[in-house]
All heavy atoms as atom14 arrays in JSON, in Angstrom:
{
  "sequence": "NRFSDTAEVRIFPWRSFKSKHQKILVPDNKFGKILFAA",
  "atom14_mask": [
    [1, 1, 1, 1, 1, 1, 1, 1, 0, 0, 0, 0, 0, 0],
    [1, 1, 1, 1, 1, 1, 1, 1, 1, 1, 1, 0, 0, 0],
    [1, 1, 1, 1, 1, 1, 1, 1, 1, 1, 1, 0, 0, 0],
    [1, 1, 1, 1, 1, 1, 0, 0, 0, 0, 0, 0, 0, 0],
    [1, 1, 1, 1, 1, 1, 1, 1, 0, 0, 0, 0, 0, 0],
    [1, 1, 1, 1, 1, 1, 1, 0, 0, 0, 0, 0, 0, 0],
    [1, 1, 1, 1, 1, 0, 0, 0, 0, 0, 0, 0, 0, 0],
    [1, 1, 1, 1, 1, 1, 1, 1, 1, 0, 0, 0, 0, 0],
    [1, 1, 1, 1, 1, 1, 1, 0, 0, 0, 0, 0, 0, 0],
    [1, 1, 1, 1, 1, 1, 1, 1, 1, 1, 1, 0, 0, 0],
    [1, 1, 1, 1, 1, 1, 1, 1, 0, 0, 0, 0, 0, 0],
    [1, 1, 1, 1, 1, 1, 1, 1, 1, 1, 1, 0, 0, 0],
    [1, 1, 1, 1, 1, 1, 1, 0, 0, 0, 0, 0, 0, 0],
    [1, 1, 1, 1, 1, 1, 1, 1, 1, 1, 1, 1, 1, 1],
    [1, 1, 1, 1, 1, 1, 1, 1, 1, 1, 1, 0, 0, 0],
    [1, 1, 1, 1, 1, 1, 0, 0, 0, 0, 0, 0, 0, 0],
    [1, 1, 1, 1, 1, 1, 1, 1, 1, 1, 1, 0, 0, 0],
    [1, 1, 1, 1, 1, 1, 1, 1, 1, 0, 0, 0, 0, 0],
    [1, 1, 1, 1, 1, 1, 0, 0, 0, 0, 0, 0, 0, 0],
    [1, 1, 1, 1, 1, 1, 1, 1, 1, 0, 0, 0, 0, 0],
    [1, 1, 1, 1, 1, 1, 1, 1, 1, 1, 0, 0, 0, 0],
    [1, 1, 1, 1, 1, 1, 1, 1, 1, 0, 0, 0, 0, 0],
    [1, 1, 1, 1, 1, 1, 1, 1, 1, 0, 0, 0, 0, 0],
    [1, 1, 1, 1, 1, 1, 1, 1, 0, 0, 0, 0, 0, 0],
    [1, 1, 1, 1, 1, 1, 1, 1, 0, 0, 0, 0, 0, 0],
    [1, 1, 1, 1, 1, 1, 1, 0, 0, 0, 0, 0, 0, 0],
    [1, 1, 1, 1, 1, 1, 1, 0, 0, 0, 0, 0, 0, 0],
    [1, 1, 1, 1, 1, 1, 1, 1, 0, 0, 0, 0, 0, 0],
    [1, 1, 1, 1, 1, 1, 1, 1, 0, 0, 0, 0, 0, 0],
    [1, 1, 1, 1, 1, 1, 1, 1, 1, 0, 0, 0, 0, 0],
    [1, 1, 1, 1, 1, 1, 1, 1, 1, 1, 1, 0, 0, 0],
    [1, 1, 1, 1, 0, 0, 0, 0, 0, 0, 0, 0, 0, 0],
    [1, 1, 1, 1, 1, 1, 1, 1, 1, 0, 0, 0, 0, 0],
    [1, 1, 1, 1, 1, 1, 1, 1, 0, 0, 0, 0, 0, 0],
    [1, 1, 1, 1, 1, 1, 1, 1, 0, 0, 0, 0, 0, 0],
    [1, 1, 1, 1, 1, 1, 1, 1, 1, 1, 1, 0, 0, 0],
    [1, 1, 1, 1, 1, 0, 0, 0, 0, 0, 0, 0, 0, 0],
    [1, 1, 1, 1, 1, 0, 0, 0, 0, 0, 0, 0, 0, 0]
  ],
  "atom14_positions": [
    [[-19.96, 212.56, -12.96], [-21.11, 211.88, -13.54], [-21.18, 210.41, -13.14], [-22.21, 209.77, -13.3], [-21.1, 212.0, -15.06], [-21.35, 213.42, -15.5], [-22.08, 214.17, -14.84], [-20.75, 213.82, -16.59], [0.0, 0.0, 0.0], [0.0, 0.0, 0.0], [0.0, 0.0, 0.0], [0.0, 0.0, 0.0], [0.0, 0.0, 0.0], [0.0, 0.0, 0.0]],
    [[-20.12, 209.86, -12.6], [-20.13, 208.47, -12.17], [-21.13, 208.23, -11.04], [-21.5, 207.1, -10.77], [-18.74, 208.04, -11.74], [-18.28, 208.75, -10.45], [-16.87, 208.45, -10.08], [-16.78, 207.05, -9.76], [-15.68, 206.43, -9.4], [-14.58, 207.11, -9.3], [-15.67, 205.17, -9.11], [0.0, 0.0, 0.0], [0.0, 0.0, 0.0], [0.0, 0.0, 0.0]],
    [[-21.57, 209.28, -10.38], [-22.54, 209.16, -9.29], [-23.98, 209.32, -9.77], [-24.9, 209.27, -8.96], [-22.24, 210.2, -8.2], [-20.87, 210.05, -7.61], [-19.86, 210.95, -7.93], [-20.57, 208.99, -6.76], [-18.59, 210.81, -7.4], [-19.3, 208.84, -6.23], [-18.31, 209.75, -6.55], [0.0, 0.0, 0.0], [0.0, 0.0, 0.0], [0.0, 0.0, 0.0]],
    [[-24.19, 209.51, -11.05], [-25.53, 209.79, -11.57], [-26.49, 208.62, -11.43], [-27.7, 208.81, -11.5], [-25.47, 210.26, -13.02], [-24.93, 209.25, -13.83], [0.0, 0.0, 0.0], [0.0, 0.0, 0.0], [0.0, 0.0, 0.0], [0.0, 0.0, 0.0], [0.0, 0.0, 0.0], [0.0, 0.0, 0.0], [0.0, 0.0, 0.0], [0.0, 0.0, 0.0]],
    [[-26.0, 207.41, -11.21], [-26.91, 206.28, -11.03], [-27.51, 206.26, -9.62], [-28.57, 205.69, -9.41], [-26.22, 204.95, -11.34], [-25.0, 204.71, -10.47], [-24.44, 205.69, -9.95], [-24.62, 203.53, -10.31], [0.0, 0.0, 0.0], [0.0, 0.0, 0.0], [0.0, 0.0, 0.0], [0.0, 0.0, 0.0], [0.0, 0.0, 0.0], [0.0, 0.0, 0.0]],
    [[-26.87, 206.9, -8.65], [-27.4, 206.92, -7.28], [-27.77, 208.31, -6.79], [-28.36, 208.44, -5.72], [-26.36, 206.33, -6.3], [-25.17, 207.08, -6.39], [-26.11, 204.87, -6.59], [0.0, 0.0, 0.0], [0.0, 0.0, 0.0], [0.0, 0.0, 0.0], [0.0, 0.0, 0.0], [0.0, 0.0, 0.0], [0.0, 0.0, 0.0], [0.0, 0.0, 0.0]],
    [[-27.43, 209.34, -7.56], [-27.73, 210.71, -7.12], [-27.91, 211.62, -8.33], [-27.39, 211.36, -9.41], [-26.6, 211.24, -6.26], [0.0, 0.0, 0.0], [0.0, 0.0, 0.0], [0.0, 0.0, 0.0], [0.0, 0.0, 0.0], [0.0, 0.0, 0.0], [0.0, 0.0, 0.0], [0.0, 0.0, 0.0], [0.0, 0.0, 0.0], [0.0, 0.0, 0.0]],
    [[-28.65, 212.68, -8.09], [-28.75, 213.73, -9.1], [-27.48, 214.57, -8.98], [-27.15, 215.06, -7.89], [-29.98, 214.59, -8.86], [-30.11, 215.74, -9.82], [-31.24, 216.7, -9.46], [-31.86, 216.55, -8.4], [-31.48, 217.61, -10.27], [0.0, 0.0, 0.0], [0.0, 0.0, 0.0], [0.0, 0.0, 0.0], [0.0, 0.0, 0.0], [0.0, 0.0, 0.0]],
    [[-26.74, 214.72, -10.06], [-25.49, 215.47, -10.06], [-25.75, 216.82, -10.73], [-26.13, 216.88, -11.89], [-24.38, 214.71, -10.82], [-23.09, 215.52, -10.83], [-24.16, 213.33, -10.22], [0.0, 0.0, 0.0], [0.0, 0.0, 0.0], [0.0, 0.0, 0.0], [0.0, 0.0, 0.0], [0.0, 0.0, 0.0], [0.0, 0.0, 0.0], [0.0, 0.0, 0.0]],
    [[-25.56, 217.89, -9.97], [-25.7, 219.23, -10.51], [-24.41, 219.99, -10.27], [-23.83, 219.89, -9.2], [-26.88, 219.96, -9.88], [-28.22, 219.31, -10.25], [-29.39, 220.01, -9.65], [-29.32, 219.9, -8.19], [-29.91, 220.73, -7.35], [-30.61, 221.74, -7.8], [-29.79, 220.57, -6.05], [0.0, 0.0, 0.0], [0.0, 0.0, 0.0], [0.0, 0.0, 0.0]],
    [[-23.97, 220.72, -11.28], [-22.71, 221.44, -11.2], [-22.98, 222.91, -11.52], [-23.55, 223.23, -12.56], [-21.68, 220.84, -12.17], [-21.48, 219.35, -11.85], [-20.36, 221.6, -12.1], [-20.62, 218.6, -12.84], [0.0, 0.0, 0.0], [0.0, 0.0, 0.0], [0.0, 0.0, 0.0], [0.0, 0.0, 0.0], [0.0, 0.0, 0.0], [0.0, 0.0, 0.0]],
    [[-22.59, 223.77, -10.59], [-22.81, 225.21, -10.72], [-21.48, 225.94, -10.65], [-20.55, 225.48, -10.0], [-23.68, 225.73, -9.57], [-25.01, 225.06, -9.44], [-25.21, 224.06, -8.5], [-26.07, 225.42, -10.25], [-26.44, 223.44, -8.37], [-27.3, 224.81, -10.13], [-27.48, 223.82, -9.18], [0.0, 0.0, 0.0], [0.0, 0.0, 0.0], [0.0, 0.0, 0.0]],
    [[-21.39, 227.1, -11.29], [-20.18, 227.91, -11.09], [-20.21, 228.53, -9.69], [-21.26, 229.0, -9.24], [-20.27, 228.98, -12.17], [-21.72, 229.08, -12.49], [-22.31, 227.72, -12.22], [0.0, 0.0, 0.0], [0.0, 0.0, 0.0], [0.0, 0.0, 0.0], [0.0, 0.0, 0.0], [0.0, 0.0, 0.0], [0.0, 0.0, 0.0], [0.0, 0.0, 0.0]],
    [[-19.11, 228.49, -8.99], [-19.05, 229.11, -7.67], [-18.13, 230.32, -7.71], [-18.48, 231.41, -7.3], [-18.57, 228.1, -6.62], [-18.39, 228.7, -5.27], [-19.35, 229.3, -4.5], [-17.18, 228.81, -4.54], [-18.8, 229.76, -3.34], [-17.45, 229.47, -3.34], [-15.87, 228.4, -4.8], [-16.49, 229.72, -2.38], [-14.91, 228.66, -3.84], [-15.23, 229.31, -2.65]],
    [[-16.93, 230.11, -8.25], [-15.97, 231.21, -8.37], [-15.16, 230.97, -9.63], [-14.58, 229.91, -9.81], [-15.07, 231.22, -7.14], [-14.21, 232.43, -7.04], [-13.43, 232.38, -5.75], [-13.06, 233.73, -5.35], [-12.5, 234.02, -4.21], [-12.27, 233.07, -3.34], [-12.17, 235.24, -3.93], [0.0, 0.0, 0.0], [0.0, 0.0, 0.0], [0.0, 0.0, 0.0]],
    [[-15.08, 231.95, -10.49], [-14.43, 231.77, -11.78], [-12.91, 231.74, -11.69], [-12.26, 231.03, -12.45], [-14.85, 232.87, -12.74], [-16.22, 232.74, -13.03], [0.0, 0.0, 0.0], [0.0, 0.0, 0.0], [0.0, 0.0, 0.0], [0.0, 0.0, 0.0], [0.0, 0.0, 0.0], [0.0, 0.0, 0.0], [0.0, 0.0, 0.0], [0.0, 0.0, 0.0]],
    [[-12.34, 232.51, -10.8], [-10.89, 232.62, -10.7], [-10.44, 232.49, -9.25], [-11.18, 232.83, -8.33], [-10.39, 233.98, -11.22], [-10.73, 234.23, -12.65], [-11.78, 235.05, -13.01], [-9.97, 233.65, -13.66], [-12.09, 235.3, -14.33], [-10.27, 233.89, -14.99], [-11.33, 234.7, -15.33], [0.0, 0.0, 0.0], [0.0, 0.0, 0.0], [0.0, 0.0, 0.0]],
    [[-9.2, 232.06, -9.05], [-8.59, 232.1, -7.72], [-8.49, 233.57, -7.32], [-8.35, 234.46, -8.16], [-7.19, 231.5, -7.75], [-7.14, 230.02, -7.94], [-5.68, 229.57, -7.9], [-5.6, 228.07, -8.04], [-4.21, 227.59, -7.95], [0.0, 0.0, 0.0], [0.0, 0.0, 0.0], [0.0, 0.0, 0.0], [0.0, 0.0, 0.0], [0.0, 0.0, 0.0]],
    [[-8.49, 233.81, -6.03], [-8.42, 235.2, -5.58], [-7.12, 235.86, -6.02], [-7.11, 237.04, -6.36], [-8.59, 235.3, -4.07], [-7.57, 234.6, -3.41], [0.0, 0.0, 0.0], [0.0, 0.0, 0.0], [0.0, 0.0, 0.0], [0.0, 0.0, 0.0], [0.0, 0.0, 0.0], [0.0, 0.0, 0.0], [0.0, 0.0, 0.0], [0.0, 0.0, 0.0]],
    [[-6.0, 235.1, -6.04], [-4.74, 235.74, -6.47], [-4.8, 236.12, -7.94], [-4.24, 237.14, -8.33], [-3.54, 234.85, -6.16], [-3.31, 233.7, -7.07], [-2.02, 232.98, -6.7], [-1.69, 231.92, -7.7], [-0.44, 231.23, -7.43], [0.0, 0.0, 0.0], [0.0, 0.0, 0.0], [0.0, 0.0, 0.0], [0.0, 0.0, 0.0], [0.0, 0.0, 0.0]],
    [[-5.52, 235.34, -8.77], [-5.67, 235.7, -10.18], [-6.59, 236.9, -10.33], [-6.37, 237.76, -11.18], [-6.2, 234.52, -10.99], [-5.24, 233.37, -11.03], [-5.65, 232.07, -11.19], [-3.9, 233.31, -10.93], [-4.6, 231.27, -11.19], [-3.53, 232.01, -11.03], [0.0, 0.0, 0.0], [0.0, 0.0, 0.0], [0.0, 0.0, 0.0], [0.0, 0.0, 0.0]],
    [[-7.63, 236.96, -9.5], [-8.53, 238.11, -9.55], [-7.77, 239.39, -9.21], [-7.98, 240.43, -9.84], [-9.69, 237.93, -8.57], [-10.69, 236.9, -8.99], [-11.78, 236.71, -7.96], [-11.76, 237.29, -6.88], [-12.75, 235.88, -8.29], [0.0, 0.0, 0.0], [0.0, 0.0, 0.0], [0.0, 0.0, 0.0], [0.0, 0.0, 0.0], [0.0, 0.0, 0.0]],
    [[-6.9, 239.31, -8.21], [-6.15, 240.5, -7.81], [-5.22, 240.97, -8.92], [-4.96, 242.16, -9.05], [-5.34, 240.2, -6.55], [-6.2, 240.06, -5.32], [-5.38, 239.66, -4.12], [-6.29, 239.39, -2.93], [-5.54, 238.89, -1.77], [0.0, 0.0, 0.0], [0.0, 0.0, 0.0], [0.0, 0.0, 0.0], [0.0, 0.0, 0.0], [0.0, 0.0, 0.0]],
    [[-4.74, 240.03, -9.73], [-3.85, 240.38, -10.83], [-4.63, 240.92, -12.02], [-4.26, 241.91, -12.63], [-3.02, 239.16, -11.25], [-2.05, 238.78, -10.13], [-2.24, 239.43, -12.54], [-1.39, 237.43, -10.32], [0.0, 0.0, 0.0], [0.0, 0.0, 0.0], [0.0, 0.0, 0.0], [0.0, 0.0, 0.0], [0.0, 0.0, 0.0], [0.0, 0.0, 0.0]],
    [[-5.75, 240.27, -12.34], [-6.49, 240.59, -13.56], [-7.5, 241.72, -13.41], [-7.82, 242.41, -14.38], [-7.22, 239.34, -14.08], [-6.33, 238.17, -14.49], [-7.16, 236.94, -14.78], [-5.5, 238.55, -15.69], [0.0, 0.0, 0.0], [0.0, 0.0, 0.0], [0.0, 0.0, 0.0], [0.0, 0.0, 0.0], [0.0, 0.0, 0.0], [0.0, 0.0, 0.0]],
    [[-8.05, 241.91, -12.2], [-9.13, 242.88, -12.01], [-8.64, 244.01, -11.1], [-8.24, 243.77, -9.96], [-10.37, 242.2, -11.38], [-11.5, 243.2, -11.18], [-10.84, 241.04, -12.25], [0.0, 0.0, 0.0], [0.0, 0.0, 0.0], [0.0, 0.0, 0.0], [0.0, 0.0, 0.0], [0.0, 0.0, 0.0], [0.0, 0.0, 0.0], [0.0, 0.0, 0.0]],
    [[-8.68, 245.23, -11.6], [-8.22, 246.36, -10.78], [-9.18, 246.64, -9.62], [-10.37, 246.35, -9.7], [-8.18, 247.53, -11.76], [-9.1, 247.15, -12.86], [-9.1, 245.66, -12.94], [0.0, 0.0, 0.0], [0.0, 0.0, 0.0], [0.0, 0.0, 0.0], [0.0, 0.0, 0.0], [0.0, 0.0, 0.0], [0.0, 0.0, 0.0], [0.0, 0.0, 0.0]],
    [[-8.64, 247.2, -8.55], [-9.44, 247.54, -7.38], [-9.95, 248.97, -7.51], [-9.47, 249.89, -6.85], [-8.59, 247.37, -6.12], [-9.39, 247.57, -4.85], [-10.63, 247.54, -4.91], [-8.77, 247.77, -3.78], [0.0, 0.0, 0.0], [0.0, 0.0, 0.0], [0.0, 0.0, 0.0], [0.0, 0.0, 0.0], [0.0, 0.0, 0.0], [0.0, 0.0, 0.0]],
    [[-10.92, 249.14, -8.42], [-11.49, 250.47, -8.65], [-12.89, 250.29, -9.28], [-13.41, 249.17, -9.32], [-10.58, 251.32, -9.54], [-10.26, 250.66, -10.86], [-11.03, 249.83, -11.37], [-9.12, 251.02, -11.44], [0.0, 0.0, 0.0], [0.0, 0.0, 0.0], [0.0, 0.0, 0.0], [0.0, 0.0, 0.0], [0.0, 0.0, 0.0], [0.0, 0.0, 0.0]],
    [[-13.47, 251.36, -9.78], [-14.81, 251.29, -10.38], [-14.83, 250.37, -11.59], [-15.8, 249.65, -11.81], [-15.29, 252.69, -10.77], [-15.67, 253.55, -9.6], [-16.2, 254.89, -10.04], [-16.52, 255.76, -8.84], [-17.05, 257.05, -9.21], [0.0, 0.0, 0.0], [0.0, 0.0, 0.0], [0.0, 0.0, 0.0], [0.0, 0.0, 0.0], [0.0, 0.0, 0.0]],
    [[-13.77, 250.4, -12.38], [-13.71, 249.52, -13.55], [-13.71, 248.05, -13.13], [-14.36, 247.22, -13.75], [-12.47, 249.83, -14.39], [-12.34, 248.97, -15.6], [-13.26, 249.06, -16.64], [-11.31, 248.05, -15.72], [-13.16, 248.26, -17.77], [-11.2, 247.24, -16.84], [-12.13, 247.35, -17.86], [0.0, 0.0, 0.0], [0.0, 0.0, 0.0], [0.0, 0.0, 0.0]],
    [[-13.02, 247.75, -12.04], [-13.02, 246.38, -11.51], [-14.41, 245.95, -11.06], [-14.81, 244.8, -11.27], [0.0, 0.0, 0.0], [0.0, 0.0, 0.0], [0.0, 0.0, 0.0], [0.0, 0.0, 0.0], [0.0, 0.0, 0.0], [0.0, 0.0, 0.0], [0.0, 0.0, 0.0], [0.0, 0.0, 0.0], [0.0, 0.0, 0.0], [0.0, 0.0, 0.0]],
    [[-15.16, 246.85, -10.45], [-16.54, 246.55, -10.04], [-17.4, 246.23, -11.26], [-18.23, 245.33, -11.24], [-17.14, 247.71, -9.25], [-16.58, 247.83, -7.86], [-17.26, 248.95, -7.1], [-16.64, 249.08, -5.72], [-17.29, 250.09, -4.91], [0.0, 0.0, 0.0], [0.0, 0.0, 0.0], [0.0, 0.0, 0.0], [0.0, 0.0, 0.0], [0.0, 0.0, 0.0]],
    [[-17.18, 246.99, -12.33], [-17.93, 246.74, -13.57], [-17.55, 245.37, -14.14], [-18.42, 244.62, -14.58], [-17.67, 247.87, -14.6], [-18.27, 249.18, -14.1], [-18.21, 247.51, -15.97], [-17.84, 250.41, -14.89], [0.0, 0.0, 0.0], [0.0, 0.0, 0.0], [0.0, 0.0, 0.0], [0.0, 0.0, 0.0], [0.0, 0.0, 0.0], [0.0, 0.0, 0.0]],
    [[-16.25, 245.05, -14.12], [-15.81, 243.75, -14.61], [-16.43, 242.6, -13.8], [-16.9, 241.61, -14.37], [-14.28, 243.64, -14.56], [-13.5, 244.38, -15.62], [-12.0, 244.23, -15.37], [-13.85, 243.84, -17.0], [0.0, 0.0, 0.0], [0.0, 0.0, 0.0], [0.0, 0.0, 0.0], [0.0, 0.0, 0.0], [0.0, 0.0, 0.0], [0.0, 0.0, 0.0]],
    [[-16.43, 242.73, -12.48], [-17.04, 241.7, -11.64], [-18.54, 241.58, -11.89], [-19.07, 240.47, -11.94], [-16.77, 241.95, -10.16], [-15.5, 241.36, -9.67], [-14.55, 242.13, -9.04], [-15.22, 240.01, -9.84], [-13.37, 241.59, -8.58], [-14.05, 239.45, -9.39], [-13.11, 240.24, -8.76], [0.0, 0.0, 0.0], [0.0, 0.0, 0.0], [0.0, 0.0, 0.0]],
    [[-19.22, 242.68, -12.04], [-20.66, 242.64, -12.33], [-20.92, 241.91, -13.64], [-21.84, 241.08, -13.74], [-21.24, 244.05, -12.36], [0.0, 0.0, 0.0], [0.0, 0.0, 0.0], [0.0, 0.0, 0.0], [0.0, 0.0, 0.0], [0.0, 0.0, 0.0], [0.0, 0.0, 0.0], [0.0, 0.0, 0.0], [0.0, 0.0, 0.0], [0.0, 0.0, 0.0]],
    [[-20.09, 242.19, -14.65], [-20.24, 241.51, -15.94], [-19.94, 240.02, -15.8], [-20.65, 239.18, -16.37], [-19.32, 242.15, -16.98], [0.0, 0.0, 0.0], [0.0, 0.0, 0.0], [0.0, 0.0, 0.0], [0.0, 0.0, 0.0], [0.0, 0.0, 0.0], [0.0, 0.0, 0.0], [0.0, 0.0, 0.0], [0.0, 0.0, 0.0], [0.0, 0.0, 0.0]]
  ]
}
């Protein structure tokens, strides 16, 4: 936000978890696809 005086600052989610955490928390199957969709 320190840049808000010279620029519009917008923050978006890009990726919720590191890939290694995703591999641990989300199974590689249909249930995992449902979790990612949610």
